[in-house]
Amino acid sequence: MKPALQPSLKARALRLISMREHSRTELVRKLARFEEQPGSLLLALDDLQAKGLISEQRVIASVLHRQAGKFGGARIRQALQALGLESEAIGLAIGSLQGSEAERAQAVWQKKFGAPPADAQAAAKQMRFLLARGFGADIARRIVAGPYLASQE
């Protein structure tokens, strides 16, 4: 019986990229265990990057598209940093979200709770939820305190 041929590093990288965008750092982390000759993985990734199949900008756009409707800037920054992207590119991406942070937080809050908190304990719960989603404390406070204070008057 013939031994099965193992896919090349380039083929493995292509398979990963076909499922979703991956950063170069992420591909190195996932494929390093399959590298048989030192340097062969980096050469394969260089080739794929030269052909435009690995793109930092597409990775950023993909993460923003998937997460902007659910998470705040802090949580998205964390996700981009975990992918090993350059801090300058991350800063630009997060900066582009700042204008819509309050609206996105409002939409997330509305979807989860839909009603103003009945008491201080419920308000604290709603604040914790927004903070855990990566929205800033000032924005979370405005969104939760707005309806809470309005209902107290």
C-alpha atoms as a PDB file:
ATOM      1  CA  MET A   1       0.000   0.000   0.000  1.00  0.00           C
ATOM      2  CA  LYS A   2       1.363   3.411  -0.992  1.00  0.00           C
ATOM      3  CA  PRO A   3       1.771   6.068   1.665  1.00  0.00           C
ATOM      4  CA  ALA A   4      -0.523   9.039   1.128  1.00  0.00           C
ATOM      5  CA  LEU A   5       1.136  12.163  -0.213  1.00  0.00           C
ATOM      6  CA  GLN A   6       1.120  15.089   2.160  1.00  0.00           C
ATOM      7  CA  PRO A   7      -0.078  18.404   0.741  1.00  0.00           C
ATOM      8  CA  SER A   8       2.611  21.007   0.238  1.00  0.00           C
ATOM      9  CA  LEU A   9       2.891  24.028   2.510  1.00  0.00           C
ATOM     10  CA  LYS A  10       1.561  26.204  -0.302  1.00  0.00           C
ATOM     11  CA  ALA A  11      -1.449  23.911  -0.764  1.00  0.00           C
ATOM     12  CA  ARG A  12      -2.151  23.954   2.969  1.00  0.00           C
ATOM     13  CA  ALA A  13      -1.918  27.760   3.007  1.00  0.00           C
ATOM     14  CA  LEU A  14      -4.253  28.012   0.021  1.00  0.00           C
ATOM     15  CA  ARG A  15      -6.763  25.752   1.741  1.00  0.00           C
ATOM     16  CA  LEU A  16      -6.743  28.005   4.809  1.00  0.00           C
ATOM     17  CA  ILE A  17      -6.997  31.174   2.721  1.00  0.00           C
ATOM     18  CA  SER A  18      -9.915  29.738   0.741  1.00  0.00           C
ATOM     19  CA  MET A  19     -11.962  29.468   3.950  1.00  0.00           C
ATOM     20  CA  ARG A  20     -11.311  33.041   5.133  1.00  0.00           C
ATOM     21  CA  GLU A  21      -8.622  35.703   4.960  1.00  0.00           C
ATOM     22  CA  HIS A  22      -5.541  34.899   7.062  1.00  0.00           C
ATOM     23  CA  SER A  23      -2.657  37.150   8.023  1.00  0.00           C
ATOM     24  CA  ARG A  24       0.886  36.046   7.293  1.00  0.00           C
ATOM     25  CA  THR A  25       1.578  35.678  11.034  1.00  0.00           C
ATOM     26  CA  GLU A  26      -1.491  33.512  11.434  1.00  0.00           C
ATOM     27  CA  LEU A  27      -0.430  31.265   8.538  1.00  0.00           C
ATOM     28  CA  VAL A  28       3.063  30.879   9.982  1.00  0.00           C
ATOM     29  CA  ARG A  29       1.569  29.893  13.345  1.00  0.00           C
ATOM     30  CA  LYS A  30      -0.784  27.335  11.773  1.00  0.00           C
ATOM     31  CA  LEU A  31       1.638  25.828   9.259  1.00  0.00           C
ATOM     32  CA  ALA A  32       4.968  25.821  11.136  1.00  0.00           C
ATOM     33  CA  ARG A  33       4.486  22.240  12.335  1.00  0.00           C
ATOM     34  CA  PHE A  34       4.312  21.008   8.730  1.00  0.00           C
ATOM     35  CA  GLU A  35       7.580  22.640   7.648  1.00  0.00           C
ATOM     36  CA  GLU A  36      10.141  19.965   6.817  1.00  0.00           C
ATOM     37  CA  GLN A  37      12.961  22.206   5.606  1.00  0.00           C
ATOM     38  CA  PRO A  38      13.809  25.408   7.501  1.00  0.00           C
ATOM     39  CA  GLY A  39      12.770  28.457   5.502  1.00  0.00           C
ATOM     40  CA  SER A  40      10.458  26.611   3.109  1.00  0.00           C
ATOM     41  CA  LEU A  41       7.328  27.986   4.792  1.00  0.00           C
ATOM     42  CA  LEU A  42       8.501  31.579   4.499  1.00  0.00           C
ATOM     43  CA  LEU A  43       9.356  31.042   0.826  1.00  0.00           C
ATOM     44  CA  ALA A  44       5.910  29.595   0.144  1.00  0.00           C
ATOM     45  CA  LEU A  45       4.220  32.505   1.926  1.00  0.00           C
ATOM     46  CA  ASP A  46       6.433  35.027   0.084  1.00  0.00           C
ATOM     47  CA  ASP A  47       5.257  33.514  -3.197  1.00  0.00           C
ATOM     48  CA  LEU A  48       1.590  33.665  -2.182  1.00  0.00           C
ATOM     49  CA  GLN A  49       1.972  37.240  -0.972  1.00  0.00           C
ATOM     50  CA  ALA A  50       3.710  38.259  -4.227  1.00  0.00           C
ATOM     51  CA  LYS A  51       0.722  36.833  -6.118  1.00  0.00           C
ATOM     52  CA  GLY A  52      -1.660  38.890  -3.968  1.00  0.00           C
ATOM     53  CA  LEU A  53      -3.213  35.905  -2.196  1.00  0.00           C
ATOM     54  CA  ILE A  54      -2.135  37.118   1.249  1.00  0.00           C
ATOM     55  CA  SER A  55      -3.188  40.697   1.978  1.00  0.00           C
ATOM     56  CA  GLU A  56      -3.114  42.534   5.292  1.00  0.00           C
ATOM     57  CA  GLN A  57      -5.722  45.008   4.047  1.00  0.00           C
ATOM     58  CA  ARG A  58      -8.159  42.221   3.128  1.00  0.00           C
ATOM     59  CA  VAL A  59      -7.655  40.623   6.549  1.00  0.00           C
ATOM     60  CA  ILE A  60      -8.471  43.933   8.239  1.00  0.00           C
ATOM     61  CA  ALA A  61     -11.506  44.509   6.009  1.00  0.00           C
ATOM     62  CA  SER A  62     -12.726  40.981   6.718  1.00  0.00           C
ATOM     63  CA  VAL A  63     -12.422  41.378  10.495  1.00  0.00           C
ATOM     64  CA  LEU A  64     -14.142  44.760  10.409  1.00  0.00           C
ATOM     65  CA  HIS A  65     -16.956  43.372   8.272  1.00  0.00           C
ATOM     66  CA  ARG A  66     -17.513  40.392  10.586  1.00  0.00           C
ATOM     67  CA  GLN A  67     -17.146  42.163  13.925  1.00  0.00           C
ATOM     68  CA  ALA A  68     -18.089  45.844  13.607  1.00  0.00           C
ATOM     69  CA  GLY A  69     -21.786  45.144  14.087  1.00  0.00           C
ATOM     70  CA  LYS A  70     -21.217  43.179  17.279  1.00  0.00           C
ATOM     71  CA  PHE A  71     -18.172  44.642  19.004  1.00  0.00           C
ATOM     72  CA  GLY A  72     -16.579  47.921  20.007  1.00  0.00           C
ATOM     73  CA  GLY A  73     -13.210  49.296  19.011  1.00  0.00           C
ATOM     74  CA  ALA A  74     -11.294  47.778  21.933  1.00  0.00           C
ATOM     75  CA  ARG A  75     -12.456  44.241  21.173  1.00  0.00           C
ATOM     76  CA  ILE A  76     -11.798  44.630  17.434  1.00  0.00           C
ATOM     77  CA  ARG A  77      -8.309  46.032  18.167  1.00  0.00           C
ATOM     78  CA  GLN A  78      -7.629  42.921  20.259  1.00  0.00           C
ATOM     79  CA  ALA A  79      -8.749  40.646  17.437  1.00  0.00           C
ATOM     80  CA  LEU A  80      -6.533  42.424  14.912  1.00  0.00           C
ATOM     81  CA  GLN A  81      -3.540  42.347  17.247  1.00  0.00           C
ATOM     82  CA  ALA A  82      -4.024  38.618  17.760  1.00  0.00           C
ATOM     83  CA  LEU A  83      -3.652  38.193  13.998  1.00  0.00           C
ATOM     84  CA  GLY A  84      -0.204  39.793  14.144  1.00  0.00           C
ATOM     85  CA  LEU A  85      -1.035  42.801  12.004  1.00  0.00           C
ATOM     86  CA  GLU A  86       0.988  46.017  12.023  1.00  0.00           C
ATOM     87  CA  SER A  87      -0.023  48.474  14.740  1.00  0.00           C
ATOM     88  CA  GLU A  88      -0.220  51.383  12.281  1.00  0.00           C
ATOM     89  CA  ALA A  89      -2.732  49.513  10.103  1.00  0.00           C
ATOM     90  CA  ILE A  90      -4.717  48.523  13.195  1.00  0.00           C
ATOM     91  CA  GLY A  91      -4.789  52.135  14.371  1.00  0.00           C
ATOM     92  CA  LEU A  92      -6.130  53.315  11.014  1.00  0.00           C
ATOM     93  CA  ALA A  93      -8.803  50.607  10.996  1.00  0.00           C
ATOM     94  CA  ILE A  94      -9.948  51.404  14.539  1.00  0.00           C
ATOM     95  CA  GLY A  95      -9.896  55.105  13.736  1.00  0.00           C
ATOM     96  CA  SER A  96     -12.306  54.509  10.880  1.00  0.00           C
ATOM     97  CA  LEU A  97     -14.771  52.952  13.339  1.00  0.00           C
ATOM     98  CA  GLN A  98     -14.722  55.749  15.916  1.00  0.00           C
ATOM     99  CA  GLY A  99     -17.417  57.792  14.196  1.00  0.00           C
ATOM    100  CA  SER A 100     -19.922  54.954  14.372  1.00  0.00           C
ATOM    101  CA  GLU A 101     -19.009  53.595  17.831  1.00  0.00           C
ATOM    102  CA  ALA A 102     -22.021  55.118  19.631  1.00  0.00           C
ATOM    103  CA  GLU A 103     -24.491  53.997  16.957  1.00  0.00           C
ATOM    104  CA  ARG A 104     -23.066  50.474  16.922  1.00  0.00           C
ATOM    105  CA  ALA A 105     -23.188  50.294  20.731  1.00  0.00           C
ATOM    106  CA  GLN A 106     -26.787  51.508  20.673  1.00  0.00           C
ATOM    107  CA  ALA A 107     -27.722  48.825  18.132  1.00  0.00           C
ATOM    108  CA  VAL A 108     -26.001  46.071  20.151  1.00  0.00           C
ATOM    109  CA  TRP A 109     -27.693  47.272  23.349  1.00  0.00           C
ATOM    110  CA  GLN A 110     -31.096  47.471  21.631  1.00  0.00           C
ATOM    111  CA  LYS A 111     -30.783  43.959  20.230  1.00  0.00           C
ATOM    112  CA  LYS A 112     -29.760  42.446  23.574  1.00  0.00           C
ATOM    113  CA  PHE A 113     -31.967  44.379  26.001  1.00  0.00           C
ATOM    114  CA  GLY A 114     -34.468  46.455  24.051  1.00  0.00           C
ATOM    115  CA  ALA A 115     -35.780  48.146  27.193  1.00  0.00           C
ATOM    116  CA  PRO A 116     -34.359  50.562  29.738  1.00  0.00           C
ATOM    117  CA  PRO A 117     -32.996  49.051  32.934  1.00  0.00           C
ATOM    118  CA  ALA A 118     -35.526  48.889  35.747  1.00  0.00           C
ATOM    119  CA  ASP A 119     -33.033  49.540  38.537  1.00  0.00           C
ATOM    120  CA  ALA A 120     -29.374  50.158  39.277  1.00  0.00           C
ATOM    121  CA  GLN A 121     -28.570  46.435  39.239  1.00  0.00           C
ATOM    122  CA  ALA A 122     -30.012  46.029  35.741  1.00  0.00           C
ATOM    123  CA  ALA A 123     -28.168  49.165  34.609  1.00  0.00           C
ATOM    124  CA  ALA A 124     -24.887  47.712  35.909  1.00  0.00           C
ATOM    125  CA  LYS A 125     -25.559  44.467  34.055  1.00  0.00           C
ATOM    126  CA  GLN A 126     -26.173  46.338  30.818  1.00  0.00           C
ATOM    127  CA  MET A 127     -23.002  48.402  31.338  1.00  0.00           C
ATOM    128  CA  ARG A 128     -20.926  45.250  31.908  1.00  0.00           C
ATOM    129  CA  PHE A 129     -22.345  43.746  28.731  1.00  0.00           C
ATOM    130  CA  LEU A 130     -21.344  46.739  26.602  1.00  0.00           C
ATOM    131  CA  LEU A 131     -17.910  46.956  28.230  1.00  0.00           C
ATOM    132  CA  ALA A 132     -17.282  43.256  27.610  1.00  0.00           C
ATOM    133  CA  ARG A 133     -18.183  43.811  23.964  1.00  0.00           C
ATOM    134  CA  GLY A 134     -15.348  46.342  23.723  1.00  0.00           C
ATOM    135  CA  PHE A 135     -17.267  49.609  23.810  1.00  0.00           C
ATOM    136  CA  GLY A 136     -15.843  52.497  25.810  1.00  0.00           C
ATOM    137  CA  ALA A 137     -17.096  53.262  29.312  1.00  0.00           C
ATOM    138  CA  ASP A 138     -18.305  56.743  28.344  1.00  0.00           C
ATOM    139  CA  ILE A 139     -20.369  55.409  25.443  1.00  0.00           C
ATOM    140  CA  ALA A 140     -21.773  52.537  27.520  1.00  0.00           C
ATOM    141  CA  ARG A 141     -22.673  54.960  30.308  1.00  0.00           C
ATOM    142  CA  ARG A 142     -24.481  57.297  27.890  1.00  0.00           C
ATOM    143  CA  ILE A 143     -26.462  54.476  26.304  1.00  0.00           C
ATOM    144  CA  VAL A 144     -27.479  52.768  29.549  1.00  0.00           C
ATOM    145  CA  ALA A 145     -27.859  55.887  31.696  1.00  0.00           C
ATOM    146  CA  GLY A 146     -29.863  57.700  29.034  1.00  0.00           C
ATOM    147  CA  PRO A 147     -32.908  55.425  29.167  1.00  0.00           C
ATOM    148  CA  TYR A 148     -32.365  54.637  32.871  1.00  0.00           C
ATOM    149  CA  LEU A 149     -32.310  58.294  33.901  1.00  0.00           C
ATOM    150  CA  ALA A 150     -35.235  59.131  31.595  1.00  0.00           C
ATOM    151  CA  SER A 151     -37.360  56.447  33.239  1.00  0.00           C
ATOM    152  CA  GLN A 152     -36.500  57.751  36.741  1.00  0.00           C
ATOM    153  CA  GLU A 153     -37.828  61.262  36.033  1.00  0.00           C
END
